């Protein structure tokens, strides 16, 4: 135990450098993982809030349909042949085709 105390006395600023290392790791973790995930969640939330009657969607389970009714927490979708199903808003995600459409729209704005 005395040996450990002697070693700590020999290191100038030994405790401060470890605190700085921990703060740096937390900052890196925030900017590399947490912040991008928050941006993605915000984008998905805006997508869901922007859906309206007549939009075509694909659910997380792979069901394709057209929105025929909107409530606060659910959609009524028509899957064809007069088959209607109520689904939770949280089961709808932007599809790859939506991302391609958004990218094409942004490219036309730049031109």
N, C-alpha and C. Protein backbone atom coordinates (compact mmCIF):
# COMPACT_ATOMS: atom_id res chain seq x y z
N UNK A 1 0.82 -1.19 0.00
CA UNK A 1 0.00 0.00 0.00
C UNK A 1 0.87 1.25 0.00
N UNK A 2 1.93 1.23 0.77
CA UNK A 2 2.84 2.37 0.80
C UNK A 2 3.49 2.55 -0.58
N UNK A 3 3.74 1.45 -1.28
CA UNK A 3 4.34 1.50 -2.60
C UNK A 3 3.41 2.23 -3.58
N UNK A 4 2.09 1.99 -3.49
CA UNK A 4 1.14 2.66 -4.36
C UNK A 4 1.10 4.16 -4.08
N UNK A 5 1.18 4.54 -2.84
CA UNK A 5 1.18 5.96 -2.50
C UNK A 5 2.41 6.66 -3.04
N UNK A 6 3.53 5.98 -3.00
CA UNK A 6 4.77 6.56 -3.51
C UNK A 6 4.66 6.77 -5.02
N UNK A 7 4.07 5.79 -5.73
CA UNK A 7 3.93 5.90 -7.17
C UNK A 7 3.00 7.06 -7.55
N UNK A 8 1.93 7.25 -6.80
CA UNK A 8 1.00 8.33 -7.10
C UNK A 8 1.65 9.69 -6.88
N UNK A 9 2.54 9.77 -5.92
CA UNK A 9 3.21 11.04 -5.66
C UNK A 9 4.21 11.37 -6.76
N UNK A 10 4.76 10.35 -7.40
CA UNK A 10 5.75 10.58 -8.44
C UNK A 10 5.12 11.05 -9.75
N UNK A 11 3.83 10.81 -9.98
CA UNK A 11 3.19 11.18 -11.23
C UNK A 11 2.54 12.56 -11.10
N UNK A 12 3.08 13.55 -11.79
CA UNK A 12 2.44 14.87 -11.72
C UNK A 12 1.15 14.88 -12.53
N UNK A 13 0.05 15.29 -11.90
CA UNK A 13 -1.23 15.37 -12.60
C UNK A 13 -1.80 14.02 -12.96
N UNK A 14 -1.46 12.98 -12.26
CA UNK A 14 -1.91 11.62 -12.59
C UNK A 14 -3.42 11.47 -12.56
N UNK A 15 -4.07 12.11 -11.61
CA UNK A 15 -5.52 12.00 -11.53
C UNK A 15 -6.24 12.83 -12.58
N UNK A 16 -5.66 13.95 -12.95
CA UNK A 16 -6.28 14.85 -13.92
C UNK A 16 -6.28 14.24 -15.32
N UNK A 17 -5.23 13.55 -15.68
CA UNK A 17 -5.16 12.97 -17.03
C UNK A 17 -6.19 11.85 -17.20
N UNK A 18 -6.44 11.09 -16.16
CA UNK A 18 -7.45 10.03 -16.28
C UNK A 18 -8.86 10.62 -16.38
N UNK A 19 -9.12 11.72 -15.71
CA UNK A 19 -10.43 12.38 -15.81
C UNK A 19 -10.62 12.93 -17.22
N UNK A 20 -9.56 13.54 -17.78
CA UNK A 20 -9.64 14.06 -19.15
C UNK A 20 -9.88 12.94 -20.16
N UNK A 21 -9.26 11.79 -19.93
CA UNK A 21 -9.44 10.64 -20.81
C UNK A 21 -10.89 10.16 -20.78
N UNK A 22 -11.49 10.11 -19.61
CA UNK A 22 -12.88 9.68 -19.48
C UNK A 22 -13.81 10.68 -20.17
N UNK A 23 -13.57 11.96 -19.99
CA UNK A 23 -14.39 12.99 -20.64
C UNK A 23 -14.26 12.89 -22.15
N UNK A 24 -13.05 12.66 -22.66
CA UNK A 24 -12.83 12.53 -24.10
C UNK A 24 -13.57 11.31 -24.65
N UNK A 25 -13.54 10.19 -23.93
CA UNK A 25 -14.25 8.99 -24.37
C UNK A 25 -15.75 9.21 -24.40
N UNK A 26 -16.28 9.91 -23.40
CA UNK A 26 -17.72 10.20 -23.39
C UNK A 26 -18.09 11.10 -24.56
N UNK A 27 -17.28 12.10 -24.85
CA UNK A 27 -17.55 13.00 -25.98
C UNK A 27 -17.51 12.24 -27.31
N UNK A 28 -16.53 11.38 -27.48
CA UNK A 28 -16.44 10.58 -28.71
C UNK A 28 -17.66 9.67 -28.83
N UNK A 29 -18.03 9.02 -27.75
CA UNK A 29 -19.19 8.14 -27.74
C UNK A 29 -20.45 8.90 -28.12
N UNK A 30 -20.60 10.11 -27.60
CA UNK A 30 -21.78 10.92 -27.90
C UNK A 30 -21.83 11.28 -29.38
N UNK A 31 -20.74 11.81 -29.92
CA UNK A 31 -20.75 12.29 -31.30
C UNK A 31 -20.72 11.16 -32.33
N UNK A 32 -20.24 9.98 -31.97
CA UNK A 32 -20.18 8.88 -32.92
C UNK A 32 -21.39 7.95 -32.87
N UNK A 33 -22.09 7.89 -31.73
CA UNK A 33 -23.18 6.94 -31.61
C UNK A 33 -24.52 7.57 -31.24
N UNK A 34 -24.56 8.34 -30.19
CA UNK A 34 -25.83 8.84 -29.67
C UNK A 34 -26.43 9.89 -30.59
N UNK A 35 -25.66 10.86 -31.00
CA UNK A 35 -26.18 11.96 -31.83
C UNK A 35 -26.70 11.49 -33.18
N UNK A 36 -25.98 10.64 -33.92
CA UNK A 36 -26.53 10.16 -35.19
C UNK A 36 -27.82 9.35 -35.01
N UNK A 37 -27.90 8.59 -33.93
CA UNK A 37 -29.12 7.82 -33.68
C UNK A 37 -30.30 8.74 -33.38
N UNK A 38 -30.05 9.82 -32.64
CA UNK A 38 -31.12 10.79 -32.36
C UNK A 38 -31.60 11.45 -33.65
N UNK A 39 -30.68 11.76 -34.56
CA UNK A 39 -31.06 12.35 -35.84
C UNK A 39 -31.92 11.38 -36.65
N UNK A 40 -31.54 10.10 -36.65
CA UNK A 40 -32.31 9.10 -37.39
C UNK A 40 -33.72 8.96 -36.80
N UNK A 41 -33.82 8.93 -35.48
CA UNK A 41 -35.13 8.83 -34.84
C UNK A 41 -35.99 10.05 -35.16
N UNK A 42 -35.40 11.23 -35.21
CA UNK A 42 -36.13 12.45 -35.54
C UNK A 42 -36.65 12.37 -36.97
N UNK A 43 -35.84 11.86 -37.88
CA UNK A 43 -36.24 11.72 -39.28
C UNK A 43 -37.42 10.74 -39.41
N UNK A 44 -37.37 9.63 -38.69
CA UNK A 44 -38.47 8.65 -38.73
C UNK A 44 -39.73 9.26 -38.15
N UNK A 45 -39.62 10.00 -37.04
CA UNK A 45 -40.78 10.63 -36.41
C UNK A 45 -41.43 11.64 -37.37
N UNK A 46 -40.60 12.44 -38.06
CA UNK A 46 -41.13 13.41 -39.02
C UNK A 46 -41.81 12.70 -40.19
N UNK A 47 -41.25 11.58 -40.62
CA UNK A 47 -41.86 10.80 -41.70
C UNK A 47 -43.25 10.33 -41.29
N UNK A 48 -43.37 9.78 -40.09
CA UNK A 48 -44.67 9.27 -39.62
C UNK A 48 -45.69 10.39 -39.47
N UNK A 49 -45.24 11.54 -38.96
CA UNK A 49 -46.16 12.67 -38.78
C UNK A 49 -46.61 13.25 -40.11
N UNK A 50 -45.81 13.08 -41.16
CA UNK A 50 -46.13 13.62 -42.47
C UNK A 50 -47.04 12.74 -43.30
N UNK A 51 -47.30 11.52 -42.84
CA UNK A 51 -48.17 10.63 -43.61
C UNK A 51 -49.62 11.10 -43.54
N UNK A 52 -50.31 10.95 -44.66
CA UNK A 52 -51.71 11.37 -44.73
C UNK A 52 -52.49 10.37 -45.57
N UNK A 53 -53.80 10.56 -45.63
CA UNK A 53 -54.64 9.65 -46.40
C UNK A 53 -54.21 9.67 -47.87
N UNK A 54 -54.17 8.49 -48.45
CA UNK A 54 -53.79 8.36 -49.85
C UNK A 54 -52.34 7.96 -50.05
N UNK A 55 -51.50 8.09 -49.01
CA UNK A 55 -50.09 7.70 -49.12
C UNK A 55 -49.97 6.18 -49.09
N UNK A 56 -49.03 5.66 -49.87
CA UNK A 56 -48.77 4.22 -49.87
C UNK A 56 -47.63 3.96 -48.89
N UNK A 57 -47.77 2.89 -48.10
CA UNK A 57 -46.79 2.58 -47.07
C UNK A 57 -46.44 1.10 -47.08
N UNK A 58 -45.35 0.79 -46.40
CA UNK A 58 -44.96 -0.60 -46.13
C UNK A 58 -44.72 -0.67 -44.63
N UNK A 59 -45.35 -1.63 -43.96
CA UNK A 59 -45.18 -1.77 -42.52
C UNK A 59 -43.89 -2.52 -42.22
N UNK A 60 -43.52 -2.56 -40.94
CA UNK A 60 -42.32 -3.28 -40.53
C UNK A 60 -42.47 -4.77 -40.81
N UNK A 61 -43.69 -5.27 -40.87
CA UNK A 61 -43.94 -6.68 -41.19
C UNK A 61 -43.99 -6.97 -42.67
N UNK A 62 -43.86 -5.94 -43.50
CA UNK A 62 -43.83 -6.14 -44.94
C UNK A 62 -45.18 -6.02 -45.62
N UNK A 63 -46.18 -5.52 -44.91
CA UNK A 63 -47.52 -5.37 -45.50
C UNK A 63 -47.57 -4.06 -46.29
N UNK A 64 -47.97 -4.16 -47.56
CA UNK A 64 -48.11 -2.98 -48.41
C UNK A 64 -49.56 -2.53 -48.37
N UNK A 65 -49.76 -1.23 -48.34
CA UNK A 65 -51.13 -0.73 -48.33
C UNK A 65 -51.20 0.76 -48.57
N UNK A 66 -52.42 1.24 -48.64
CA UNK A 66 -52.69 2.66 -48.86
C UNK A 66 -53.46 3.17 -47.65
N UNK A 67 -53.04 4.30 -47.11
CA UNK A 67 -53.68 4.86 -45.93
C UNK A 67 -55.06 5.39 -46.31
N UNK A 68 -56.09 4.92 -45.59
CA UNK A 68 -57.45 5.40 -45.82
C UNK A 68 -58.01 6.11 -44.60
N UNK A 69 -57.30 6.06 -43.47
CA UNK A 69 -57.74 6.74 -42.26
C UNK A 69 -56.56 6.98 -41.34
N UNK A 70 -56.57 8.13 -40.64
CA UNK A 70 -55.48 8.49 -39.75
C UNK A 70 -56.06 8.84 -38.38
N UNK A 71 -55.47 8.26 -37.34
CA UNK A 71 -55.78 8.63 -35.96
C UNK A 71 -54.50 9.09 -35.29
N UNK A 72 -54.60 9.46 -34.02
CA UNK A 72 -53.41 9.93 -33.30
C UNK A 72 -52.32 8.87 -33.23
N UNK A 73 -52.69 7.62 -33.01
CA UNK A 73 -51.70 6.58 -32.80
C UNK A 73 -51.79 5.43 -33.80
N UNK A 74 -52.66 5.52 -34.80
CA UNK A 74 -52.79 4.41 -35.74
C UNK A 74 -53.25 4.88 -37.11
N UNK A 75 -53.08 3.98 -38.08
CA UNK A 75 -53.54 4.19 -39.45
C UNK A 75 -54.52 3.08 -39.80
N UNK A 76 -55.47 3.39 -40.64
CA UNK A 76 -56.31 2.36 -41.26
C UNK A 76 -55.79 2.25 -42.68
N UNK A 77 -55.35 1.05 -43.06
CA UNK A 77 -54.81 0.89 -44.41
C UNK A 77 -55.67 -0.09 -45.20
N UNK A 78 -55.74 0.17 -46.50
CA UNK A 78 -56.45 -0.71 -47.43
C UNK A 78 -55.40 -1.52 -48.16
N UNK A 79 -55.49 -2.86 -48.04
CA UNK A 79 -54.51 -3.73 -48.66
C UNK A 79 -54.98 -4.27 -50.00
N UNK A 80 -56.14 -3.84 -50.47
CA UNK A 80 -56.68 -4.31 -51.74
C UNK A 80 -57.84 -5.27 -51.50
N UNK A 81 -58.69 -5.42 -52.50
CA UNK A 81 -59.87 -6.29 -52.40
C UNK A 81 -60.74 -5.93 -51.20
N UNK A 82 -60.79 -4.65 -50.88
CA UNK A 82 -61.59 -4.12 -49.78
C UNK A 82 -61.20 -4.72 -48.42
N UNK A 83 -59.93 -5.06 -48.25
CA UNK A 83 -59.42 -5.56 -46.97
C UNK A 83 -58.77 -4.38 -46.26
N UNK A 84 -59.31 -4.01 -45.10
CA UNK A 84 -58.78 -2.89 -44.34
C UNK A 84 -58.27 -3.37 -42.99
N UNK A 85 -57.14 -2.82 -42.59
CA UNK A 85 -56.49 -3.22 -41.34
C UNK A 85 -56.04 -1.96 -40.62
N UNK A 86 -56.22 -1.94 -39.28
CA UNK A 86 -55.72 -0.82 -38.47
C UNK A 86 -54.34 -1.24 -37.94
N UNK A 87 -53.36 -0.38 -38.15
CA UNK A 87 -52.00 -0.65 -37.68
C UNK A 87 -51.51 0.50 -36.82
N UNK A 88 -50.55 0.21 -35.98
CA UNK A 88 -49.94 1.21 -35.12
C UNK A 88 -48.98 2.07 -35.95
N UNK A 89 -48.92 3.36 -35.67
CA UNK A 89 -48.02 4.26 -36.41
C UNK A 89 -46.56 3.85 -36.26
N UNK A 90 -46.22 3.26 -35.11
CA UNK A 90 -44.83 2.88 -34.87
C UNK A 90 -44.37 1.71 -35.73
N UNK A 91 -45.28 1.06 -36.45
CA UNK A 91 -44.89 -0.07 -37.29
C UNK A 91 -44.60 0.36 -38.73
N UNK A 92 -44.62 1.66 -39.00
CA UNK A 92 -44.35 2.18 -40.34
C UNK A 92 -42.99 2.87 -40.33
N UNK A 93 -42.12 2.44 -41.26
CA UNK A 93 -40.79 3.01 -41.38
C UNK A 93 -40.59 3.51 -42.80
N UNK A 94 -39.73 4.50 -42.99
CA UNK A 94 -39.41 4.91 -44.35
C UNK A 94 -38.74 3.75 -45.10
N UNK A 95 -39.19 3.48 -46.30
CA UNK A 95 -38.62 2.38 -47.07
C UNK A 95 -37.46 2.89 -47.92
N UNK A 96 -36.76 1.98 -48.56
CA UNK A 96 -35.63 2.35 -49.42
C UNK A 96 -36.11 3.19 -50.59
N UNK A 97 -37.31 2.91 -51.09
CA UNK A 97 -37.83 3.68 -52.22
C UNK A 97 -38.11 5.12 -51.79
N UNK A 98 -38.53 5.33 -50.54
CA UNK A 98 -38.73 6.69 -50.03
C UNK A 98 -37.40 7.44 -49.98
N UNK A 99 -36.35 6.77 -49.57
CA UNK A 99 -35.04 7.40 -49.51
C UNK A 99 -34.56 7.77 -50.90
N UNK A 100 -34.81 6.90 -51.89
CA UNK A 100 -34.40 7.20 -53.26
C UNK A 100 -35.19 8.38 -53.80
N UNK A 101 -36.49 8.45 -53.48
CA UNK A 101 -37.33 9.56 -53.93
C UNK A 101 -36.84 10.87 -53.32
N UNK A 102 -36.51 10.85 -52.03
CA UNK A 102 -35.99 12.05 -51.36
C UNK A 102 -34.67 12.50 -51.98
N UNK A 103 -33.79 11.55 -52.28
CA UNK A 103 -32.50 11.90 -52.87
C UNK A 103 -32.68 12.49 -54.25
N UNK A 104 -33.61 11.94 -55.03
CA UNK A 104 -33.87 12.47 -56.37
C UNK A 104 -34.44 13.87 -56.28
N UNK A 105 -35.32 14.13 -55.32
CA UNK A 105 -35.89 15.45 -55.14
C UNK A 105 -34.81 16.46 -54.75
N UNK A 106 -33.87 16.07 -53.91
CA UNK A 106 -32.80 16.98 -53.52
C UNK A 106 -31.87 17.26 -54.70
N UNK A 107 -31.62 16.27 -55.53
CA UNK A 107 -30.77 16.47 -56.70
C UNK A 107 -31.39 17.43 -57.70
N UNK A 108 -32.71 17.36 -57.87
CA UNK A 108 -33.38 18.28 -58.80
C UNK A 108 -33.37 19.69 -58.27
N UNK A 109 -33.39 19.87 -56.94
CA UNK A 109 -33.33 21.21 -56.34
C UNK A 109 -31.98 21.85 -56.57
N UNK A 110 -30.91 21.02 -56.55
CA UNK A 110 -29.56 21.55 -56.75
C UNK A 110 -29.34 22.03 -58.17
N UNK A 111 -29.97 21.40 -59.13
CA UNK A 111 -29.78 21.74 -60.55
C UNK A 111 -30.40 23.03 -60.95
